[in-house]
PDB file of N, CA and C in Angstrom:
ATOM      1  N   MET A   1       0.761  -1.203   0.024  1.00  0.00           N
ATOM      2  CA  MET A   1       0.158   0.097   0.039  1.00  0.00           C
ATOM      3  C   MET A   1       0.902   1.182   0.010  1.00  0.00           C
ATOM      4  N   PRO A   2       0.744   2.198  -0.982  1.00  0.00           N
ATOM      5  CA  PRO A   2       1.636   3.417  -1.264  1.00  0.00           C
ATOM      6  C   PRO A   2       1.264   4.039   0.155  1.00  0.00           C
ATOM      7  N   VAL A   3       2.398   4.842   0.611  1.00  0.00           N
ATOM      8  CA  VAL A   3       2.172   5.745   1.657  1.00  0.00           C
ATOM      9  C   VAL A   3       2.169   7.312   1.020  1.00  0.00           C
ATOM     10  N   ASP A   4       1.105   7.901   1.624  1.00  0.00           N
ATOM     11  CA  ASP A   4       0.969   9.188   0.918  1.00  0.00           C
ATOM     12  C   ASP A   4       1.870  10.351   1.807  1.00  0.00           C
ATOM     13  N   THR A   5       1.973  11.656   1.383  1.00  0.00           N
ATOM     14  CA  THR A   5       2.751  12.541   1.894  1.00  0.00           C
ATOM     15  C   THR A   5       2.470  12.730   3.288  1.00  0.00           C
ATOM     16  N   ARG A   6       1.152  12.971   3.517  1.00  0.00           N
ATOM     17  CA  ARG A   6       0.525  13.074   4.889  1.00  0.00           C
ATOM     18  C   ARG A   6       1.014  12.222   5.703  1.00  0.00           C
ATOM     19  N   THR A   7       0.905  10.982   5.680  1.00  0.00           N
ATOM     20  CA  THR A   7       1.437   9.856   6.357  1.00  0.00           C
ATOM     21  C   THR A   7       2.810   9.771   6.752  1.00  0.00           C
ATOM     22  N   ARG A   8       3.634  10.191   5.759  1.00  0.00           N
ATOM     23  CA  ARG A   8       5.132  10.225   5.927  1.00  0.00           C
ATOM     24  C   ARG A   8       5.292  11.423   6.997  1.00  0.00           C
ATOM     25  N   ARG A   9       4.683  12.427   6.893  1.00  0.00           N
ATOM     26  CA  ARG A   9       4.853  13.514   7.600  1.00  0.00           C
ATOM     27  C   ARG A   9       4.530  13.316   9.179  1.00  0.00           C
ATOM     28  N   LEU A  10       3.494  12.641   9.175  1.00  0.00           N
ATOM     29  CA  LEU A  10       3.014  11.969  10.641  1.00  0.00           C
ATOM     30  C   LEU A  10       3.935  11.050  11.419  1.00  0.00           C
ATOM     31  N   VAL A  11       4.586  10.384  10.537  1.00  0.00           N
ATOM     32  CA  VAL A  11       5.514   9.258  11.155  1.00  0.00           C
ATOM     33  C   VAL A  11       6.773  10.171  11.390  1.00  0.00           C
ATOM     34  N   ASN A  12       7.185  11.190  10.506  1.00  0.00           N
ATOM     35  CA  ASN A  12       8.237  11.926  10.693  1.00  0.00           C
ATOM     36  C   ASN A  12       8.264  12.581  12.019  1.00  0.00           C
ATOM     37  N   GLU A  13       7.055  13.257  12.137  1.00  0.00           N
ATOM     38  CA  GLU A  13       6.700  14.013  13.423  1.00  0.00           C
ATOM     39  C   GLU A  13       6.815  13.278  14.685  1.00  0.00           C
ATOM     40  N   SER A  14       6.314  12.108  14.610  1.00  0.00           N
ATOM     41  CA  SER A  14       6.370  11.017  15.627  1.00  0.00           C
ATOM     42  C   SER A  14       7.803  10.598  16.189  1.00  0.00           C
ATOM     43  N   LEU A  15       8.603  10.281  14.867  1.00  0.00           N
ATOM     44  CA  LEU A  15       9.917   9.803  15.275  1.00  0.00           C
ATOM     45  C   LEU A  15      10.651  11.077  15.983  1.00  0.00           C
ATOM     46  N   VAL A  16      10.441  12.302  15.517  1.00  0.00           N
ATOM     47  CA  VAL A  16      11.198  13.365  15.929  1.00  0.00           C
ATOM     48  C   VAL A  16      10.833  13.596  17.536  1.00  0.00           C
ATOM     49  N   ARG A  17       9.536  13.306  17.717  1.00  0.00           N
ATOM     50  CA  ARG A  17       9.188  13.579  19.416  1.00  0.00           C
ATOM     51  C   ARG A  17       9.811  12.292  20.287  1.00  0.00           C
ATOM     52  N   ILE A  18       9.924  11.101  19.586  1.00  0.00           N
ATOM     53  CA  ILE A  18      10.328   9.940  20.351  1.00  0.00           C
ATOM     54  C   ILE A  18      11.875   9.828  20.392  1.00  0.00           C
ATOM     55  N   HIS A  19      12.449  10.003  19.246  1.00  0.00           N
ATOM     56  CA  HIS A  19      13.910  10.013  19.053  1.00  0.00           C
ATOM     57  C   HIS A  19      14.732  11.247  18.874  1.00  0.00           C
ATOM     58  N   GLY A  20      14.210  12.209  18.530  1.00  0.00           N
ATOM     59  CA  GLY A  20      14.886  13.490  18.266  1.00  0.00           C
ATOM     60  C   GLY A  20      14.982  13.658  16.760  1.00  0.00           C
ATOM     61  N   GLU A  21      15.308  14.848  16.199  1.00  0.00           N
ATOM     62  CA  GLU A  21      15.289  15.033  14.749  1.00  0.00           C
ATOM     63  C   GLU A  21      16.267  14.512  14.245  1.00  0.00           C
ATOM     64  N   GLU A  22      17.611  14.260  14.680  1.00  0.00           N
ATOM     65  CA  GLU A  22      18.792  13.690  13.906  1.00  0.00           C
ATOM     66  C   GLU A  22      18.401  12.038  13.608  1.00  0.00           C
ATOM     67  N   VAL A  23      17.845  11.417  14.619  1.00  0.00           N
ATOM     68  CA  VAL A  23      17.543   9.995  14.274  1.00  0.00           C
ATOM     69  C   VAL A  23      16.426   9.838  13.534  1.00  0.00           C
ATOM     70  N   ALA A  24      15.322  10.790  13.671  1.00  0.00           N
ATOM     71  CA  ALA A  24      14.256  10.816  12.686  1.00  0.00           C
ATOM     72  C   ALA A  24      14.774  11.066  11.247  1.00  0.00           C
ATOM     73  N   ASP A  25      15.428  11.975  11.202  1.00  0.00           N
ATOM     74  CA  ASP A  25      16.039  12.343   9.716  1.00  0.00           C
ATOM     75  C   ASP A  25      16.737  11.089   9.108  1.00  0.00           C
ATOM     76  N   GLY A  26      17.398  10.285   9.989  1.00  0.00           N
ATOM     77  CA  GLY A  26      18.198   9.122   9.656  1.00  0.00           C
ATOM     78  C   GLY A  26      17.184   7.985   9.227  1.00  0.00           C
ATOM     79  N   ILE A  27      16.191   7.790  10.062  1.00  0.00           N
ATOM     80  CA  ILE A  27      15.210   6.677   9.841  1.00  0.00           C
ATOM     81  C   ILE A  27      14.355   7.048   8.523  1.00  0.00           C
ATOM     82  N   MET A  28      14.054   8.229   8.295  1.00  0.00           N
ATOM     83  CA  MET A  28      13.190   8.583   7.173  1.00  0.00           C
ATOM     84  C   MET A  28      14.088   8.555   6.000  1.00  0.00           C
ATOM     85  N   ALA A  29      15.297   8.842   5.970  1.00  0.00           N
ATOM     86  CA  ALA A  29      16.239   8.666   4.743  1.00  0.00           C
ATOM     87  C   ALA A  29      16.423   7.258   4.271  1.00  0.00           C
ATOM     88  N   LEU A  30      16.007   6.271   5.130  1.00  0.00           N
ATOM     89  CA  LEU A  30      16.057   4.824   4.676  1.00  0.00           C
ATOM     90  C   LEU A  30      14.866   4.329   4.109  1.00  0.00           C
ATOM     91  N   LEU A  31      13.800   5.066   4.481  1.00  0.00           N
ATOM     92  CA  LEU A  31      12.407   4.687   3.784  1.00  0.00           C
ATOM     93  C   LEU A  31      12.416   4.995   2.244  1.00  0.00           C
ATOM     94  N   PRO A  32      11.852   4.228   1.590  1.00  0.00           N
ATOM     95  CA  PRO A  32      11.743   4.761   0.126  1.00  0.00           C
ATOM     96  C   PRO A  32      11.013   5.877   0.036  1.00  0.00           C
ATOM     97  N   SER A  33      11.416   6.839  -0.834  1.00  0.00           N
ATOM     98  CA  SER A  33      10.804   8.120  -0.989  1.00  0.00           C
ATOM     99  C   SER A  33       9.660   8.234  -1.919  1.00  0.00           C
ATOM    100  N   GLY A  34       9.619   7.304  -2.834  1.00  0.00           N
ATOM    101  CA  GLY A  34       8.460   7.348  -3.726  1.00  0.00           C
ATOM    102  C   GLY A  34       7.502   6.091  -3.492  1.00  0.00           C
ATOM    103  N   GLU A  35       6.732   5.850  -4.599  1.00  0.00           N
ATOM    104  CA  GLU A  35       5.768   4.680  -4.576  1.00  0.00           C
ATOM    105  C   GLU A  35       6.666   3.539  -5.060  1.00  0.00           C
ATOM    106  N   CYS A  36       6.628   2.397  -4.422  1.00  0.00           N
ATOM    107  CA  CYS A  36       7.374   1.050  -4.688  1.00  0.00           C
ATOM    108  C   CYS A  36       6.418   0.275  -5.505  1.00  0.00           C
ATOM    109  N   ALA A  37       6.803  -0.606  -6.318  1.00  0.00           N
ATOM    110  CA  ALA A  37       6.238  -1.648  -6.962  1.00  0.00           C
ATOM    111  C   ALA A  37       5.607  -2.679  -6.186  1.00  0.00           C
ATOM    112  N   THR A  38       4.438  -3.039  -6.335  1.00  0.00           N
ATOM    113  CA  THR A  38       3.899  -4.255  -5.765  1.00  0.00           C
ATOM    114  C   THR A  38       4.234  -5.423  -6.577  1.00  0.00           C
ATOM    115  N   LYS A  39       3.766  -6.751  -5.901  1.00  0.00           N
ATOM    116  CA  LYS A  39       4.104  -7.959  -6.718  1.00  0.00           C
ATOM    117  C   LYS A  39       2.984  -7.988  -7.960  1.00  0.00           C
ATOM    118  N   GLN A  40       1.956  -7.426  -7.723  1.00  0.00           N
ATOM    119  CA  GLN A  40       0.913  -7.397  -8.934  1.00  0.00           C
ATOM    120  C   GLN A  40       1.466  -6.505 -10.097  1.00  0.00           C
ATOM    121  N   ASP A  41       2.179  -5.295  -9.756  1.00  0.00           N
ATOM    122  CA  ASP A  41       2.764  -4.445 -10.566  1.00  0.00           C
ATOM    123  C   ASP A  41       3.859  -5.270 -11.399  1.00  0.00           C
ATOM    124  N   LEU A  42       4.535  -5.929 -10.727  1.00  0.00           N
ATOM    125  CA  LEU A  42       5.643  -6.765 -11.282  1.00  0.00           C
ATOM    126  C   LEU A  42       5.070  -7.894 -12.184  1.00  0.00           C
ATOM    127  N   GLU A  43       4.050  -8.503 -11.702  1.00  0.00           N
ATOM    128  CA  GLU A  43       3.474  -9.460 -12.642  1.00  0.00           C
ATOM    129  C   GLU A  43       2.903  -8.904 -13.861  1.00  0.00           C
ATOM    130  N   VAL A  44       2.075  -7.565 -13.737  1.00  0.00           N
ATOM    131  CA  VAL A  44       1.617  -6.969 -15.056  1.00  0.00           C
ATOM    132  C   VAL A  44       2.834  -6.630 -15.905  1.00  0.00           C
ATOM    133  N   LEU A  45       3.987  -6.155 -15.435  1.00  0.00           N
ATOM    134  CA  LEU A  45       5.031  -5.756 -16.232  1.00  0.00           C
ATOM    135  C   LEU A  45       5.566  -7.012 -16.959  1.00  0.00           C
ATOM    136  N   GLU A  46       5.873  -8.111 -16.231  1.00  0.00           N
ATOM    137  CA  GLU A  46       6.332  -9.352 -16.754  1.00  0.00           C
ATOM    138  C   GLU A  46       5.352  -9.889 -17.957  1.00  0.00           C
ATOM    139  N   ALA A  47       4.002  -9.720 -17.755  1.00  0.00           N
ATOM    140  CA  ALA A  47       3.141 -10.250 -18.968  1.00  0.00           C
ATOM    141  C   ALA A  47       3.409  -9.112 -20.065  1.00  0.00           C
ATOM    142  N   ARG A  48       3.438  -7.808 -19.830  1.00  0.00           N
ATOM    143  CA  ARG A  48       3.581  -6.725 -20.877  1.00  0.00           C
ATOM    144  C   ARG A  48       4.942  -7.369 -21.681  1.00  0.00           C
ATOM    145  N   MET A  49       5.840  -7.471 -21.020  1.00  0.00           N
ATOM    146  CA  MET A  49       7.324  -7.671 -21.368  1.00  0.00           C
ATOM    147  C   MET A  49       7.368  -9.031 -22.173  1.00  0.00           C
ATOM    148  N   GLY A  50       6.533 -10.016 -21.592  1.00  0.00           N
ATOM    149  CA  GLY A  50       6.420 -11.251 -22.506  1.00  0.00           C
ATOM    150  C   GLY A  50       5.831 -11.223 -23.759  1.00  0.00           C
ATOM    151  N   GLU A  51       4.770 -10.257 -23.683  1.00  0.00           N
ATOM    152  CA  GLU A  51       3.867  -9.925 -24.956  1.00  0.00           C
ATOM    153  C   GLU A  51       4.863  -9.245 -25.915  1.00  0.00           C
ATOM    154  N   ARG A  52       5.566  -8.297 -25.538  1.00  0.00           N
ATOM    155  CA  ARG A  52       6.402  -7.573 -26.373  1.00  0.00           C
ATOM    156  C   ARG A  52       7.577  -8.259 -27.099  1.00  0.00           C
ATOM    157  N   LEU A  53       8.162  -9.402 -26.090  1.00  0.00           N
ATOM    158  CA  LEU A  53       9.145 -10.126 -26.788  1.00  0.00           C
ATOM    159  C   LEU A  53       8.508 -11.151 -27.739  1.00  0.00           C
ATOM    160  N   GLU A  54       7.346 -11.649 -27.416  1.00  0.00           N
ATOM    161  CA  GLU A  54       6.654 -12.381 -28.317  1.00  0.00           C
ATOM    162  C   GLU A  54       6.548 -11.786 -29.808  1.00  0.00           C
ATOM    163  N   ARG A  55       6.119 -10.596 -29.777  1.00  0.00           N
ATOM    164  CA  ARG A  55       5.818  -9.821 -30.941  1.00  0.00           C
ATOM    165  C   ARG A  55       7.056  -9.694 -31.760  1.00  0.00           C
ATOM    166  N   GLN A  56       8.026  -9.345 -30.963  1.00  0.00           N
ATOM    167  CA  GLN A  56       9.388  -9.079 -31.599  1.00  0.00           C
ATOM    168  C   GLN A  56       9.963 -10.403 -32.277  1.00  0.00           C
ATOM    169  N   MET A  57       9.830 -11.415 -31.481  1.00  0.00           N
ATOM    170  CA  MET A  57      10.305 -12.629 -32.076  1.00  0.00           C
ATOM    171  C   MET A  57       9.359 -13.195 -33.254  1.00  0.00           C
ATOM    172  N   ARG A  58       8.323 -12.870 -33.294  1.00  0.00           N
ATOM    173  CA  ARG A  58       7.397 -13.280 -34.534  1.00  0.00           C
ATOM    174  C   ARG A  58       7.843 -12.437 -35.707  1.00  0.00           C
ATOM    175  N   ARG A  59       8.093 -10.954 -35.389  1.00  0.00           N
ATOM    176  CA  ARG A  59       8.524 -10.212 -36.408  1.00  0.00           C
ATOM    177  C   ARG A  59       9.931 -10.647 -37.061  1.00  0.00           C
ATOM    178  N   GLN A  60      10.762 -11.038 -36.219  1.00  0.00           N
ATOM    179  CA  GLN A  60      12.159 -11.184 -36.729  1.00  0.00           C
ATOM    180  C   GLN A  60      12.092 -12.567 -37.479  1.00  0.00           C
ATOM    181  N   THR A  61      11.137 -13.408 -36.978  1.00  0.00           N
ATOM    182  CA  THR A  61      11.110 -14.854 -37.621  1.00  0.00           C
ATOM    183  C   THR A  61      10.385 -14.631 -39.027  1.00  0.00           C
ATOM    184  N   THR A  62       9.384 -13.797 -39.130  1.00  0.00           N
ATOM    185  CA  THR A  62       8.805 -13.300 -40.301  1.00  0.00           C
ATOM    186  C   THR A  62       9.872 -12.709 -41.353  1.00  0.00           C
ATOM    187  N   LEU A  63      10.737 -11.693 -40.907  1.00  0.00           N
ATOM    188  CA  LEU A  63      11.527 -11.185 -41.810  1.00  0.00           C
ATOM    189  C   LEU A  63      12.464 -12.318 -42.012  1.00  0.00           C
ATOM    190  N   MET A  64      13.023 -13.058 -41.300  1.00  0.00           N
ATOM    191  CA  MET A  64      14.013 -14.219 -41.705  1.00  0.00           C
ATOM    192  C   MET A  64      13.445 -15.003 -42.869  1.00  0.00           C
ATOM    193  N   PHE A  65      12.261 -15.559 -42.519  1.00  0.00           N
ATOM    194  CA  PHE A  65      11.492 -16.138 -43.558  1.00  0.00           C
ATOM    195  C   PHE A  65      11.424 -15.651 -44.955  1.00  0.00           C
ATOM    196  N   VAL A  66      11.070 -14.389 -44.958  1.00  0.00           N
ATOM    197  CA  VAL A  66      10.822 -13.553 -46.248  1.00  0.00           C
ATOM    198  C   VAL A  66      12.311 -13.476 -46.886  1.00  0.00           C
ATOM    199  N   ALA A  67      13.213 -13.291 -46.102  1.00  0.00           N
ATOM    200  CA  ALA A  67      14.565 -13.096 -46.571  1.00  0.00           C
ATOM    201  C   ALA A  67      15.068 -14.435 -47.179  1.00  0.00           C
ATOM    202  N   LEU A  68      14.830 -15.596 -46.545  1.00  0.00           N
ATOM    203  CA  LEU A  68      15.128 -16.762 -47.039  1.00  0.00           C
ATOM    204  C   LEU A  68      14.157 -17.140 -48.455  1.00  0.00           C
ATOM    205  N   LEU A  69      13.077 -16.945 -48.454  1.00  0.00           N
ATOM    206  CA  LEU A  69      12.035 -17.094 -49.361  1.00  0.00           C
ATOM    207  C   LEU A  69      12.552 -16.395 -50.773  1.00  0.00           C
ATOM    208  N   PHE A  70      13.019 -15.173 -50.328  1.00  0.00           N
ATOM    209  CA  PHE A  70      13.401 -14.279 -51.714  1.00  0.00           C
ATOM    210  C   PHE A  70      14.857 -14.142 -52.119  1.00  0.00           C
ATOM    211  N   SER A  71      15.812 -14.859 -51.482  1.00  0.00           N
ATOM    212  CA  SER A  71      17.193 -14.856 -51.554  1.00  0.00           C
ATOM    213  C   SER A  71      17.516 -16.340 -51.938  1.00  0.00           C
ATOM    214  N   PRO A  72      17.602 -16.521 -53.203  1.00  0.00           N
ATOM    215  CA  PRO A  72      18.268 -17.743 -53.546  1.00  0.00           C
ATOM    216  C   PRO A  72      19.456 -18.317 -53.176  1.00  0.00           C
ATOM    217  N   ALA A  73      20.515 -17.324 -53.125  1.00  0.00           N
ATOM    218  CA  ALA A  73      21.794 -17.734 -52.565  1.00  0.00           C
ATOM    219  C   ALA A  73      21.708 -18.039 -51.142  1.00  0.00           C
ATOM    220  N   LEU A  74      21.023 -17.258 -50.130  1.00  0.00           N
ATOM    221  CA  LEU A  74      20.937 -17.433 -48.902  1.00  0.00           C
ATOM    222  C   LEU A  74      20.188 -18.776 -48.797  1.00  0.00           C
ATOM    223  N   SER A  75      19.091 -19.023 -49.441  1.00  0.00           N
ATOM    224  CA  SER A  75      18.390 -20.155 -49.425  1.00  0.00           C
ATOM    225  C   SER A  75      19.177 -21.416 -49.478  1.00  0.00           C
ATOM    226  N   GLN A  76      19.927 -21.402 -50.624  1.00  0.00           N
ATOM    227  CA  GLN A  76      21.011 -22.562 -50.872  1.00  0.00           C
ATOM    228  C   GLN A  76      22.032 -22.501 -49.770  1.00  0.00           C
ATOM    229  N   LEU A  77      22.402 -21.470 -49.167  1.00  0.00           N
ATOM    230  CA  LEU A  77      23.290 -21.607 -47.964  1.00  0.00           C
ATOM    231  C   LEU A  77      22.777 -22.252 -46.905  1.00  0.00           C
ATOM    232  N   VAL A  78      21.478 -21.901 -46.556  1.00  0.00           N
ATOM    233  CA  VAL A  78      20.858 -22.582 -45.444  1.00  0.00           C
ATOM    234  C   VAL A  78      20.518 -24.068 -45.617  1.00  0.00           C
ATOM    235  N   GLU A  79      20.278 -24.404 -46.826  1.00  0.00           N
ATOM    236  CA  GLU A  79      19.885 -25.763 -47.201  1.00  0.00           C
ATOM    237  C   GLU A  79      21.188 -26.549 -47.204  1.00  0.00           C
ATOM    238  N   HIS A  80      22.423 -26.136 -47.466  1.00  0.00           N
ATOM    239  CA  HIS A  80      23.540 -26.510 -47.412  1.00  0.00           C
ATOM    240  C   HIS A  80      23.973 -27.003 -45.974  1.00  0.00           C
ATOM    241  N   TYR A  81      23.745 -25.844 -44.921  1.00  0.00           N
ATOM    242  CA  TYR A  81      24.029 -25.960 -43.676  1.00  0.00           C
ATOM    243  C   TYR A  81      23.167 -27.157 -43.088  1.00  0.00           C
ATOM    244  N   PHE A  82      21.804 -27.107 -43.406  1.00  0.00           N
ATOM    245  CA  PHE A  82      21.017 -28.042 -42.943  1.00  0.00           C
ATOM    246  C   PHE A  82      21.438 -29.536 -43.171  1.00  0.00           C
ATOM    247  N   SER A  83      21.813 -29.522 -44.647  1.00  0.00           N
ATOM    248  CA  SER A  83      22.391 -30.914 -45.025  1.00  0.00           C
ATOM    249  C   SER A  83      23.563 -31.459 -44.259  1.00  0.00           C
ATOM    250  N   LEU A  84      24.522 -30.324 -43.778  1.00  0.00           N
ATOM    251  CA  LEU A  84      25.792 -31.000 -43.068  1.00  0.00           C
ATOM    252  C   LEU A  84      25.245 -31.409 -41.860  1.00  0.00           C
ATOM    253  N   PHE A  85      24.355 -30.662 -41.105  1.00  0.00           N
ATOM    254  CA  PHE A  85      24.123 -31.003 -39.619  1.00  0.00           C
ATOM    255  C   PHE A  85      22.862 -31.520 -39.456  1.00  0.00           C
ATOM    256  N   GLY A  86      21.932 -31.744 -40.369  1.00  0.00           N
ATOM    257  CA  GLY A  86      20.673 -32.388 -40.455  1.00  0.00           C
ATOM    258  C   GLY A  86      20.685 -33.711 -40.436  1.00  0.00           C
TER     259      GLY A  86
END
């Protein structure tokens, strides 16, 4: 759950009252200053990156297929390669 500015201020004021300004400043410096990613945020990002990778792979595969299809010399080279190792 993200912590808003008001809550951070209240925590800081409480720390100052209990521990003094120097310690409160040190503790507040250790806390994340902005919003942190949640597990759900990371799962959404992972799904988006997977979809993007899949699109890029499909595009590269299509381009390679077209290049092989329309390049007789390259096509012969690939056939030769596969005949050696296939």
